[in-house]
C-alpha atoms as a PDB file:
ATOM      1  CA  MET A   1     167.578  47.456-150.479  1.00  0.00           C
ATOM      2  CA  ASN A   2     170.574  46.975-152.624  1.00  0.00           C
ATOM      3  CA  ILE A   3     169.668  47.442-156.451  1.00  0.00           C
ATOM      4  CA  ALA A   4     171.731  46.472-159.227  1.00  0.00           C
ATOM      5  CA  ILE A   5     171.611  47.284-162.775  1.00  0.00           C
ATOM      6  CA  TYR A   6     172.617  45.226-165.882  1.00  0.00           C
ATOM      7  CA  GLY A   7     173.250  46.370-168.899  1.00  0.00           C
ATOM      8  CA  TYR A   8     174.138  50.019-169.294  1.00  0.00           C
ATOM      9  CA  GLY A   9     172.280  52.157-172.352  1.00  0.00           C
ATOM     10  CA  ASN A  10     170.172  55.179-172.207  1.00  0.00           C
ATOM     11  CA  LEU A  11     167.647  52.479-169.614  1.00  0.00           C
ATOM     12  CA  GLY A  12     170.317  51.925-167.458  1.00  0.00           C
ATOM     13  CA  ARG A  13     171.815  55.490-167.191  1.00  0.00           C
ATOM     14  CA  GLY A  14     167.939  56.308-166.079  1.00  0.00           C
ATOM     15  CA  VAL A  15     167.869  53.575-163.666  1.00  0.00           C
ATOM     16  CA  GLU A  16     170.954  55.126-162.083  1.00  0.00           C
ATOM     17  CA  CYS A  17     169.706  58.119-161.705  1.00  0.00           C
ATOM     18  CA  ALA A  18     166.325  56.881-160.451  1.00  0.00           C
ATOM     19  CA  VAL A  19     168.241  55.271-157.733  1.00  0.00           C
ATOM     20  CA  GLN A  20     169.607  58.625-156.146  1.00  0.00           C
ATOM     21  CA  GLN A  21     166.410  59.790-155.593  1.00  0.00           C
ATOM     22  CA  ASN A  22     165.280  56.995-153.535  1.00  0.00           C
ATOM     23  CA  ALA A  23     166.556  57.267-149.935  1.00  0.00           C
ATOM     24  CA  ASP A  24     165.523  53.573-149.161  1.00  0.00           C
ATOM     25  CA  MET A  25     168.156  52.087-151.807  1.00  0.00           C
ATOM     26  CA  SER A  26     171.385  52.020-152.595  1.00  0.00           C
ATOM     27  CA  LEU A  27     173.098  50.909-155.856  1.00  0.00           C
ATOM     28  CA  VAL A  28     175.632  47.633-155.776  1.00  0.00           C
ATOM     29  CA  GLY A  29     177.050  48.623-159.441  1.00  0.00           C
ATOM     30  CA  ILE A  30     176.238  48.116-163.066  1.00  0.00           C
ATOM     31  CA  PHE A  31     176.963  44.644-165.008  1.00  0.00           C
ATOM     32  CA  THR A  32     177.816  44.843-168.710  1.00  0.00           C
ATOM     33  CA  ARG A  33     178.868  42.859-171.224  1.00  0.00           C
ATOM     34  CA  ARG A  34     181.591  45.637-172.769  1.00  0.00           C
ATOM     35  CA  ASP A  35     184.918  45.762-170.962  1.00  0.00           C
ATOM     36  CA  PRO A  36     184.035  47.821-167.722  1.00  0.00           C
ATOM     37  CA  ALA A  37     186.646  50.308-168.169  1.00  0.00           C
ATOM     38  CA  SER A  38     185.205  51.418-171.460  1.00  0.00           C
ATOM     39  CA  VAL A  39     182.226  52.164-169.335  1.00  0.00           C
ATOM     40  CA  LYS A  40     181.724  55.956-168.030  1.00  0.00           C
ATOM     41  CA  THR A  41     179.046  56.367-165.198  1.00  0.00           C
ATOM     42  CA  LEU A  42     176.686  59.416-164.208  1.00  0.00           C
ATOM     43  CA  TYR A  43     177.686  58.835-160.262  1.00  0.00           C
ATOM     44  CA  ASN A  44     180.813  56.969-160.410  1.00  0.00           C
ATOM     45  CA  THR A  45     178.743  53.593-160.056  1.00  0.00           C
ATOM     46  CA  PRO A  46     181.365  50.524-159.929  1.00  0.00           C
ATOM     47  CA  VAL A  47     181.075  48.717-163.031  1.00  0.00           C
ATOM     48  CA  TYR A  48     181.679  44.820-163.321  1.00  0.00           C
ATOM     49  CA  PRO A  49     181.868  42.345-165.851  1.00  0.00           C
ATOM     50  CA  ALA A  50     178.384  40.482-166.393  1.00  0.00           C
ATOM     51  CA  ALA A  51     180.223  37.497-166.600  1.00  0.00           C
ATOM     52  CA  GLU A  52     180.815  38.109-162.625  1.00  0.00           C
ATOM     53  CA  ILE A  53     177.509  38.686-161.393  1.00  0.00           C
ATOM     54  CA  ASP A  54     176.767  35.426-159.687  1.00  0.00           C
ATOM     55  CA  THR A  55     179.645  36.441-157.183  1.00  0.00           C
ATOM     56  CA  PHE A  56     177.025  39.532-155.955  1.00  0.00           C
ATOM     57  CA  ALA A  57     174.340  36.902-155.223  1.00  0.00           C
ATOM     58  CA  ASP A  58     174.146  37.719-151.468  1.00  0.00           C
ATOM     59  CA  ARG A  59     174.652  41.733-151.931  1.00  0.00           C
ATOM     60  CA  ILE A  60     171.812  42.363-154.789  1.00  0.00           C
ATOM     61  CA  ASP A  61     168.201  42.462-153.490  1.00  0.00           C
ATOM     62  CA  VAL A  62     166.778  43.048-156.765  1.00  0.00           C
ATOM     63  CA  LEU A  63     168.849  43.263-160.254  1.00  0.00           C
ATOM     64  CA  ILE A  64     166.951  45.299-163.025  1.00  0.00           C
ATOM     65  CA  LEU A  65     167.571  44.455-166.323  1.00  0.00           C
ATOM     66  CA  CYS A  66     168.345  46.994-168.948  1.00  0.00           C
ATOM     67  CA  GLY A  67     168.565  45.545-172.161  1.00  0.00           C
ATOM     68  CA  GLY A  68     166.483  45.177-175.467  1.00  0.00           C
ATOM     69  CA  SER A  69     163.016  43.541-176.207  1.00  0.00           C
ATOM     70  CA  ALA A  70     164.043  41.967-179.158  1.00  0.00           C
ATOM     71  CA  THR A  71     166.768  39.534-178.537  1.00  0.00           C
ATOM     72  CA  ASP A  72     168.231  40.546-175.145  1.00  0.00           C
ATOM     73  CA  LEU A  73     165.159  40.247-172.525  1.00  0.00           C
ATOM     74  CA  PRO A  74     163.422  36.911-174.021  1.00  0.00           C
ATOM     75  CA  GLU A  75     166.893  34.920-172.924  1.00  0.00           C
ATOM     76  CA  MET A  76     168.137  37.074-170.161  1.00  0.00           C
ATOM     77  CA  THR A  77     164.977  37.567-167.966  1.00  0.00           C
ATOM     78  CA  PRO A  78     164.506  33.601-167.328  1.00  0.00           C
ATOM     79  CA  ALA A  79     168.332  33.011-166.765  1.00  0.00           C
ATOM     80  CA  LEU A  80     168.728  35.541-164.477  1.00  0.00           C
ATOM     81  CA  SER A  81     165.566  34.947-162.556  1.00  0.00           C
ATOM     82  CA  ARG A  82     166.761  31.846-161.582  1.00  0.00           C
ATOM     83  CA  ARG A  83     169.664  33.607-159.120  1.00  0.00           C
ATOM     84  CA  PHE A  84     168.152  37.025-158.553  1.00  0.00           C
ATOM     85  CA  ASN A  85     164.909  38.675-158.245  1.00  0.00           C
ATOM     86  CA  VAL A  86     164.493  40.503-161.245  1.00  0.00           C
ATOM     87  CA  VAL A  87     162.829  43.564-162.933  1.00  0.00           C
ATOM     88  CA  ASP A  88     162.228  44.091-166.961  1.00  0.00           C
ATOM     89  CA  SER A  89     160.416  46.264-169.438  1.00  0.00           C
ATOM     90  CA  TYR A  90     159.796  43.860-171.935  1.00  0.00           C
ATOM     91  CA  ASP A  91     157.533  45.570-174.093  1.00  0.00           C
ATOM     92  CA  THR A  92     156.536  43.321-176.962  1.00  0.00           C
ATOM     93  CA  HIS A  93     152.677  42.850-176.083  1.00  0.00           C
ATOM     94  CA  ALA A  94     152.249  40.138-178.486  1.00  0.00           C
ATOM     95  CA  THR A  95     154.430  37.855-176.608  1.00  0.00           C
ATOM     96  CA  ILE A  96     154.353  38.842-172.953  1.00  0.00           C
ATOM     97  CA  PRO A  97     152.067  35.924-172.332  1.00  0.00           C
ATOM     98  CA  ALA A  98     155.374  33.201-173.689  1.00  0.00           C
ATOM     99  CA  HIS A  99     157.924  35.435-172.078  1.00  0.00           C
ATOM    100  CA  PHE A 100     155.826  35.386-168.931  1.00  0.00           C
ATOM    101  CA  GLU A 101     155.293  31.691-168.867  1.00  0.00           C
ATOM    102  CA  LYS A 102     159.198  30.609-169.750  1.00  0.00           C
ATOM    103  CA  THR A 103     160.226  33.511-166.857  1.00  0.00           C
ATOM    104  CA  ASP A 104     157.853  32.073-164.389  1.00  0.00           C
ATOM    105  CA  LYS A 105     159.116  28.572-164.496  1.00  0.00           C
ATOM    106  CA  ALA A 106     162.548  29.683-164.343  1.00  0.00           C
ATOM    107  CA  ALA A 107     162.015  32.057-161.324  1.00  0.00           C
ATOM    108  CA  ARG A 108     159.948  29.369-159.525  1.00  0.00           C
ATOM    109  CA  GLU A 109     162.751  27.097-159.692  1.00  0.00           C
ATOM    110  CA  GLY A 110     164.944  29.282-158.548  1.00  0.00           C
ATOM    111  CA  GLY A 111     163.011  30.712-155.456  1.00  0.00           C
ATOM    112  CA  HIS A 112     162.940  34.128-156.821  1.00  0.00           C
ATOM    113  CA  ILE A 113     160.470  36.847-158.182  1.00  0.00           C
ATOM    114  CA  ALA A 114     160.610  38.116-161.616  1.00  0.00           C
ATOM    115  CA  LEU A 115     158.292  41.324-162.637  1.00  0.00           C
ATOM    116  CA  ILE A 116     158.220  41.360-166.037  1.00  0.00           C
ATOM    117  CA  SER A 117     157.037  44.122-168.770  1.00  0.00           C
ATOM    118  CA  CYS A 118     157.313  47.064-166.579  1.00  0.00           C
ATOM    119  CA  GLY A 119     157.511  50.662-167.370  1.00  0.00           C
ATOM    120  CA  TRP A 120     154.702  52.998-168.947  1.00  0.00           C
ATOM    121  CA  ASP A 121     153.345  51.047-171.791  1.00  0.00           C
ATOM    122  CA  PRO A 122     152.870  48.049-170.944  1.00  0.00           C
ATOM    123  CA  GLY A 123     152.820  49.363-167.266  1.00  0.00           C
ATOM    124  CA  MET A 124     151.414  52.385-165.960  1.00  0.00           C
ATOM    125  CA  PHE A 125     148.797  52.621-169.325  1.00  0.00           C
ATOM    126  CA  SER A 126     148.489  48.603-168.940  1.00  0.00           C
ATOM    127  CA  LEU A 127     146.862  49.796-165.139  1.00  0.00           C
ATOM    128  CA  ASN A 128     144.796  52.896-166.429  1.00  0.00           C
ATOM    129  CA  ARG A 129     143.083  50.160-168.935  1.00  0.00           C
ATOM    130  CA  LEU A 130     142.229  47.588-166.379  1.00  0.00           C
ATOM    131  CA  TYR A 131     141.056  51.022-163.652  1.00  0.00           C
ATOM    132  CA  ALA A 132     138.948  52.462-166.416  1.00  0.00           C
ATOM    133  CA  GLY A 133     137.430  48.837-168.025  1.00  0.00           C
ATOM    134  CA  VAL A 134     136.230  48.078-164.706  1.00  0.00           C
ATOM    135  CA  LEU A 135     134.523  51.336-163.721  1.00  0.00           C
ATOM    136  CA  LEU A 136     133.153  51.616-167.005  1.00  0.00           C
ATOM    137  CA  PRO A 137     132.366  48.067-168.390  1.00  0.00           C
ATOM    138  CA  ASP A 138     130.039  48.987-171.063  1.00  0.00           C
ATOM    139  CA  GLY A 139     132.629  50.851-173.220  1.00  0.00           C
ATOM    140  CA  LYS A 140     135.608  50.851-175.520  1.00  0.00           C
ATOM    141  CA  ASP A 141     139.847  51.378-174.618  1.00  0.00           C
ATOM    142  CA  TYR A 142     141.829  53.190-176.674  1.00  0.00           C
ATOM    143  CA  THR A 143     145.506  53.659-176.295  1.00  0.00           C
ATOM    144  CA  PHE A 144     147.211  56.588-178.888  1.00  0.00           C
ATOM    145  CA  TRP A 145     151.247  56.510-178.187  1.00  0.00           C
ATOM    146  CA  GLY A 146     153.731  59.158-179.147  1.00  0.00           C
ATOM    147  CA  ARG A 147     154.262  61.479-180.982  1.00  0.00           C
ATOM    148  CA  GLY A 148     157.750  60.282-179.708  1.00  0.00           C
ATOM    149  CA  VAL A 149     160.528  58.026-179.751  1.00  0.00           C
ATOM    150  CA  SER A 150     160.387  54.381-179.053  1.00  0.00           C
ATOM    151  CA  GLN A 151     163.171  52.764-177.671  1.00  0.00           C
ATOM    152  CA  GLY A 152     162.002  49.009-178.594  1.00  0.00           C
ATOM    153  CA  HIS A 153     161.660  49.863-181.909  1.00  0.00           C
ATOM    154  CA  SER A 154     164.516  51.806-182.944  1.00  0.00           C
ATOM    155  CA  ASP A 155     166.733  49.176-181.317  1.00  0.00           C
ATOM    156  CA  ALA A 156     164.764  46.503-183.604  1.00  0.00           C
ATOM    157  CA  ILE A 157     166.136  48.891-186.522  1.00  0.00           C
ATOM    158  CA  ARG A 158     169.654  49.173-185.345  1.00  0.00           C
ATOM    159  CA  ARG A 159     169.650  45.136-185.575  1.00  0.00           C
ATOM    160  CA  ILE A 160     169.437  45.025-188.973  1.00  0.00           C
ATOM    161  CA  ASP A 161     172.608  44.140-190.941  1.00  0.00           C
ATOM    162  CA  GLY A 162     174.060  47.487-192.464  1.00  0.00           C
ATOM    163  CA  VAL A 163     172.247  49.458-190.151  1.00  0.00           C
ATOM    164  CA  LEU A 164     174.302  51.987-188.382  1.00  0.00           C
ATOM    165  CA  ASP A 165     171.887  54.128-186.168  1.00  0.00           C
ATOM    166  CA  ALA A 166     168.360  54.778-186.100  1.00  0.00           C
ATOM    167  CA  ARG A 167     165.539  56.668-184.559  1.00  0.00           C
ATOM    168  CA  GLN A 168     162.029  55.231-184.901  1.00  0.00           C
ATOM    169  CA  TYR A 169     158.781  57.925-184.071  1.00  0.00           C
ATOM    170  CA  THR A 170     155.300  56.592-183.148  1.00  0.00           C
ATOM    171  CA  VAL A 171     152.719  59.310-184.401  1.00  0.00           C
ATOM    172  CA  PRO A 172     149.035  59.413-183.400  1.00  0.00           C
ATOM    173  CA  VAL A 173     146.700  59.606-186.487  1.00  0.00           C
ATOM    174  CA  ALA A 174     145.375  63.103-185.399  1.00  0.00           C
ATOM    175  CA  GLU A 175     141.642  62.667-186.808  1.00  0.00           C
ATOM    176  CA  SER A 176     141.455  59.333-184.716  1.00  0.00           C
ATOM    177  CA  LEU A 177     142.389  60.713-181.316  1.00  0.00           C
ATOM    178  CA  GLU A 178     139.576  63.419-181.882  1.00  0.00           C
ATOM    179  CA  ALA A 179     137.164  60.876-182.699  1.00  0.00           C
ATOM    180  CA  VAL A 180     137.767  58.839-179.945  1.00  0.00           C
ATOM    181  CA  ARG A 181     137.511  62.099-177.786  1.00  0.00           C
ATOM    182  CA  SER A 182     134.136  63.145-179.019  1.00  0.00           C
ATOM    183  CA  GLY A 183     132.370  59.975-177.453  1.00  0.00           C
ATOM    184  CA  SER A 184     131.473  58.689-180.610  1.00  0.00           C
ATOM    185  CA  MET A 185     133.373  55.245-179.946  1.00  0.00           C
ATOM    186  CA  PRO A 186     134.642  54.707-183.435  1.00  0.00           C
ATOM    187  CA  GLU A 187     136.097  51.395-184.536  1.00  0.00           C
ATOM    188  CA  LEU A 188     139.899  51.659-185.798  1.00  0.00           C
ATOM    189  CA  THR A 189     142.576  49.558-187.029  1.00  0.00           C
ATOM    190  CA  THR A 190     145.887  49.690-186.049  1.00  0.00           C
ATOM    191  CA  ARG A 191     146.574  51.072-189.488  1.00  0.00           C
ATOM    192  CA  GLU A 192     144.002  54.018-188.487  1.00  0.00           C
ATOM    193  CA  LYS A 193     145.372  54.772-184.886  1.00  0.00           C
ATOM    194  CA  HIS A 194     149.059  55.276-185.320  1.00  0.00           C
ATOM    195  CA  ARG A 195     151.723  55.820-187.981  1.00  0.00           C
ATOM    196  CA  ARG A 196     155.323  55.114-187.820  1.00  0.00           C
ATOM    197  CA  GLU A 197     158.352  57.219-188.873  1.00  0.00           C
ATOM    198  CA  CYS A 198     161.891  56.058-189.413  1.00  0.00           C
ATOM    199  CA  TYR A 199     165.214  57.585-189.368  1.00  0.00           C
ATOM    200  CA  VAL A 200     167.852  55.803-190.354  1.00  0.00           C
ATOM    201  CA  VAL A 201     171.461  55.680-190.773  1.00  0.00           C
ATOM    202  CA  VAL A 202     173.440  53.019-192.832  1.00  0.00           C
ATOM    203  CA  ALA A 203     176.932  51.729-193.487  1.00  0.00           C
ATOM    204  CA  GLU A 204     178.336  52.827-197.316  1.00  0.00           C
ATOM    205  CA  GLY A 205     177.298  50.466-199.755  1.00  0.00           C
ATOM    206  CA  ALA A 206     174.487  48.938-197.998  1.00  0.00           C
ATOM    207  CA  ASP A 207     171.402  47.792-199.697  1.00  0.00           C
ATOM    208  CA  LYS A 208     168.747  50.651-198.789  1.00  0.00           C
ATOM    209  CA  ALA A 209     165.763  49.218-200.545  1.00  0.00           C
ATOM    210  CA  ALA A 210     166.243  45.890-198.508  1.00  0.00           C
ATOM    211  CA  ILE A 211     166.541  47.433-195.559  1.00  0.00           C
ATOM    212  CA  GLU A 212     163.654  49.505-195.966  1.00  0.00           C
ATOM    213  CA  GLN A 213     161.468  46.521-197.054  1.00  0.00           C
ATOM    214  CA  GLN A 214     163.084  44.620-193.877  1.00  0.00           C
ATOM    215  CA  ILE A 215     161.941  47.536-191.784  1.00  0.00           C
ATOM    216  CA  LYS A 216     158.448  47.764-193.132  1.00  0.00           C
ATOM    217  CA  THR A 217     157.478  44.258-193.127  1.00  0.00           C
ATOM    218  CA  MET A 218     158.990  43.338-189.749  1.00  0.00           C
ATOM    219  CA  PRO A 219     155.991  41.361-187.477  1.00  0.00           C
ATOM    220  CA  ASN A 220     154.732  42.872-184.312  1.00  0.00           C
ATOM    221  CA  TYR A 221     156.757  46.053-185.144  1.00  0.00           C
ATOM    222  CA  PHE A 222     156.095  47.904-188.248  1.00  0.00           C
ATOM    223  CA  ALA A 223     154.192  45.330-190.424  1.00  0.00           C
ATOM    224  CA  ASP A 224     150.749  46.596-189.403  1.00  0.00           C
ATOM    225  CA  TYR A 225     151.536  50.383-189.676  1.00  0.00           C
ATOM    226  CA  ASP A 226     151.960  52.844-192.447  1.00  0.00           C
ATOM    227  CA  THR A 227     155.628  53.223-192.072  1.00  0.00           C
ATOM    228  CA  THR A 228     158.067  55.976-193.658  1.00  0.00           C
ATOM    229  CA  VAL A 229     161.810  55.006-194.127  1.00  0.00           C
ATOM    230  CA  THR A 230     164.124  58.268-194.343  1.00  0.00           C
ATOM    231  CA  PHE A 231     167.645  57.394-194.913  1.00  0.00           C
ATOM    232  CA  ILE A 232     169.727  60.323-192.992  1.00  0.00           C
ATOM    233  CA  THR A 233     173.668  61.046-191.930  1.00  0.00           C
ATOM    234  CA  GLN A 234     174.853  60.324-188.761  1.00  0.00           C
ATOM    235  CA  GLU A 235     175.426  63.914-188.586  1.00  0.00           C
ATOM    236  CA  GLU A 236     171.817  64.851-188.825  1.00  0.00           C
ATOM    237  CA  LEU A 237     170.451  61.920-186.938  1.00  0.00           C
ATOM    238  CA  ASP A 238     172.676  63.509-184.000  1.00  0.00           C
ATOM    239  CA  ARG A 239     171.602  67.218-184.383  1.00  0.00           C
ATOM    240  CA  ASP A 240     167.789  66.561-185.094  1.00  0.00           C
ATOM    241  CA  HIS A 241     166.721  63.605-183.121  1.00  0.00           C
ATOM    242  CA  ARG A 242     169.083  63.470-180.149  1.00  0.00           C
ATOM    243  CA  GLY A 243     166.292  63.469-177.671  1.00  0.00           C
ATOM    244  CA  ILE A 244     164.554  60.436-176.843  1.00  0.00           C
ATOM    245  CA  PRO A 245     161.153  62.147-176.062  1.00  0.00           C
ATOM    246  CA  HIS A 246     157.541  60.046-175.765  1.00  0.00           C
ATOM    247  CA  GLY A 247     154.380  60.320-174.327  1.00  0.00           C
ATOM    248  CA  GLY A 248     150.343  59.090-175.078  1.00  0.00           C
ATOM    249  CA  PHE A 249     146.959  58.908-173.975  1.00  0.00           C
ATOM    250  CA  VAL A 250     144.977  55.624-172.315  1.00  0.00           C
ATOM    251  CA  ILE A 251     141.182  56.864-173.311  1.00  0.00           C
ATOM    252  CA  ARG A 252     137.940  54.961-172.333  1.00  0.00           C
ATOM    253  CA  THR A 253     134.704  55.851-173.007  1.00  0.00           C
ATOM    254  CA  GLY A 254     131.602  54.027-171.549  1.00  0.00           C
ATOM    255  CA  LYS A 255     128.201  54.596-170.910  1.00  0.00           C
ATOM    256  CA  THR A 256     125.609  54.174-167.805  1.00  0.00           C
ATOM    257  CA  GLY A 257     122.369  54.564-166.726  1.00  0.00           C
ATOM    258  CA  VAL A 258     118.774  54.038-167.799  1.00  0.00           C
ATOM    259  CA  ASP A 259     119.179  53.077-171.985  1.00  0.00           C
ATOM    260  CA  ASN A 260     123.088  54.141-171.261  1.00  0.00           C
ATOM    261  CA  CYS A 261     122.102  57.879-171.542  1.00  0.00           C
ATOM    262  CA  HIS A 262     124.825  59.053-170.138  1.00  0.00           C
ATOM    263  CA  THR A 263     128.592  59.133-171.705  1.00  0.00           C
ATOM    264  CA  HIS A 264     131.680  59.323-169.605  1.00  0.00           C
ATOM    265  CA  THR A 265     135.134  59.735-170.621  1.00  0.00           C
ATOM    266  CA  ILE A 266     138.428  58.736-168.671  1.00  0.00           C
ATOM    267  CA  GLU A 267     141.706  59.890-170.212  1.00  0.00           C
ATOM    268  CA  TYR A 268     145.255  59.035-168.750  1.00  0.00           C
ATOM    269  CA  ARG A 269     147.801  61.236-170.177  1.00  0.00           C
ATOM    270  CA  LEU A 270     151.515  61.173-170.315  1.00  0.00           C
ATOM    271  CA  GLN A 271     153.941  63.528-171.754  1.00  0.00           C
ATOM    272  CA  LEU A 272     157.704  62.844-171.261  1.00  0.00           C
ATOM    273  CA  ASP A 273     161.160  64.623-171.821  1.00  0.00           C
ATOM    274  CA  SER A 274     162.991  61.584-171.777  1.00  0.00           C
ATOM    275  CA  ASN A 275     161.475  58.330-172.501  1.00  0.00           C
ATOM    276  CA  PRO A 276     164.304  55.926-170.869  1.00  0.00           C
ATOM    277  CA  GLU A 277     164.117  57.949-167.927  1.00  0.00           C
ATOM    278  CA  PHE A 278     160.809  57.880-167.140  1.00  0.00           C
ATOM    279  CA  THR A 279     160.706  54.431-167.980  1.00  0.00           C
ATOM    280  CA  ALA A 280     163.242  53.700-165.439  1.00  0.00           C
ATOM    281  CA  SER A 281     161.741  55.313-162.687  1.00  0.00           C
ATOM    282  CA  VAL A 282     158.778  52.673-163.120  1.00  0.00           C
ATOM    283  CA  LEU A 283     161.099  50.145-162.997  1.00  0.00           C
ATOM    284  CA  VAL A 284     163.038  51.501-159.657  1.00  0.00           C
ATOM    285  CA  ALA A 285     159.671  51.609-157.960  1.00  0.00           C
ATOM    286  CA  TYR A 286     158.380  48.496-158.622  1.00  0.00           C
ATOM    287  CA  ALA A 287     161.794  47.118-157.730  1.00  0.00           C
ATOM    288  CA  ARG A 288     160.928  48.080-154.487  1.00  0.00           C
ATOM    289  CA  ALA A 289     157.527  46.355-154.358  1.00  0.00           C
ATOM    290  CA  VAL A 290     159.708  43.268-155.577  1.00  0.00           C
ATOM    291  CA  ASP A 291     161.833  43.503-152.416  1.00  0.00           C
ATOM    292  CA  ARG A 292     158.899  43.685-149.916  1.00  0.00           C
ATOM    293  CA  LEU A 293     157.219  40.533-151.593  1.00  0.00           C
ATOM    294  CA  SER A 294     160.598  38.479-152.072  1.00  0.00           C
ATOM    295  CA  LYS A 295     160.733  38.915-147.711  1.00  0.00           C
ATOM    296  CA  ARG A 296     157.384  37.756-147.541  1.00  0.00           C
ATOM    297  CA  GLY A 297     158.196  34.139-149.335  1.00  0.00           C
ATOM    298  CA  VAL A 298     156.571  35.024-153.124  1.00  0.00           C
ATOM    299  CA  THR A 299     158.458  33.592-155.621  1.00  0.00           C
ATOM    300  CA  GLY A 300     157.547  33.350-159.343  1.00  0.00           C
ATOM    301  CA  CYS A 301     156.808  35.905-162.437  1.00  0.00           C
ATOM    302  CA  LYS A 302     154.567  38.986-161.682  1.00  0.00           C
ATOM    303  CA  THR A 303     153.335  41.762-163.709  1.00  0.00           C
ATOM    304  CA  VAL A 304     151.952  45.115-162.513  1.00  0.00           C
ATOM    305  CA  PHE A 305     148.459  43.630-162.158  1.00  0.00           C
ATOM    306  CA  ASP A 306     149.671  41.787-159.100  1.00  0.00           C
ATOM    307  CA  ILE A 307     151.680  44.522-157.586  1.00  0.00           C
ATOM    308  CA  ALA A 308     149.621  46.424-154.428  1.00  0.00           C
ATOM    309  CA  PRO A 309     149.511  50.330-154.891  1.00  0.00           C
ATOM    310  CA  ALA A 310     151.042  50.202-151.085  1.00  0.00           C
ATOM    311  CA  ASP A 311     154.238  47.994-151.917  1.00  0.00           C
ATOM    312  CA  LEU A 312     155.192  50.643-154.501  1.00  0.00           C
ATOM    313  CA  SER A 313     155.799  53.834-151.725  1.00  0.00           C
ATOM    314  CA  PRO A 314     158.402  54.040-149.275  1.00  0.00           C
ATOM    315  CA  LEU A 315     155.324  55.506-146.840  1.00  0.00           C
ATOM    316  CA  SER A 316     154.113  53.333-144.375  1.00  0.00           C
ATOM    317  CA  ALA A 317     150.443  51.899-144.612  1.00  0.00           C
ATOM    318  CA  GLU A 318     149.531  54.632-141.815  1.00  0.00           C
ATOM    319  CA  GLU A 319     151.286  57.451-143.678  1.00  0.00           C
ATOM    320  CA  LEU A 320     149.956  56.653-146.956  1.00  0.00           C
ATOM    321  CA  ARG A 321     146.419  56.557-145.022  1.00  0.00           C
ATOM    322  CA  ALA A 322     147.303  60.081-143.549  1.00  0.00           C
ATOM    323  CA  THR A 323     148.412  61.915-146.499  1.00  0.00           C
ATOM    324  CA  LEU A 324     146.925  60.695-149.623  1.00  0.00           C
ATOM    325  CA  LEU A 325     143.722  58.489-149.173  1.00  0.00           C
END
């Protein structure tokens, strides 16, 4: 299948790498809103202006969107899903339903498929919450993220006037994590589960107090958490915060048996050296499923809940039964 990338930051580079690991895929090109001549790719992939993408409509099976959730994907995904099958990693959990409705309408009008909110959370963590919940219906879910860099939250900070660069770390509260693992099923607020650490580089003369206040009160990102903001130089950020690690845990504790006499814990953990490269690998696997569904005549918006596991694999149904079942 023919894959194309729309946007070429950390996630776009991750997709470029992931496509190389899948023998049933080829990369048509990268589409950017920057000057294509200024973009250096990892595998000498052709780079084209975003404005020319419609001329490639008959050459692209799935377009993987690598923009940010704060401002790019809410407009980009519906617009492009009218003309292409698309996959995005929209990760603002609170507004996923609205993003789905807008994209579903556009994709159906264009006769295409759009798979949204694909990655590890939302994405793989979402599936594990679903599986654990149906297996242990009398129980509680807990999700912990980090310690790691959140691409979406870092991007949201960088879009504040006066901010030149930023890294945001999501950090689980250790005491809360251990209380969950004990099986006691504690009631935890958002603030009790995580804290957020922000390292921010600002322009000379910028109002640091105003920027800090804007970060700490940002809805859907920081307002509900204990958040620290540390202003550092670009040199310090480049030296001390170069990587993009992440990870986390999905845990469900549940009861079974007469009088709920037995306690069970399901835990799914990810420990990632590179958040964008792992997210990209998930996007690429789901692009395969989107292509297969499209060939069956399916249209509209989908999420990971709608995709059969077999459609993610390059193996045939017979090979899956023989090797993995």
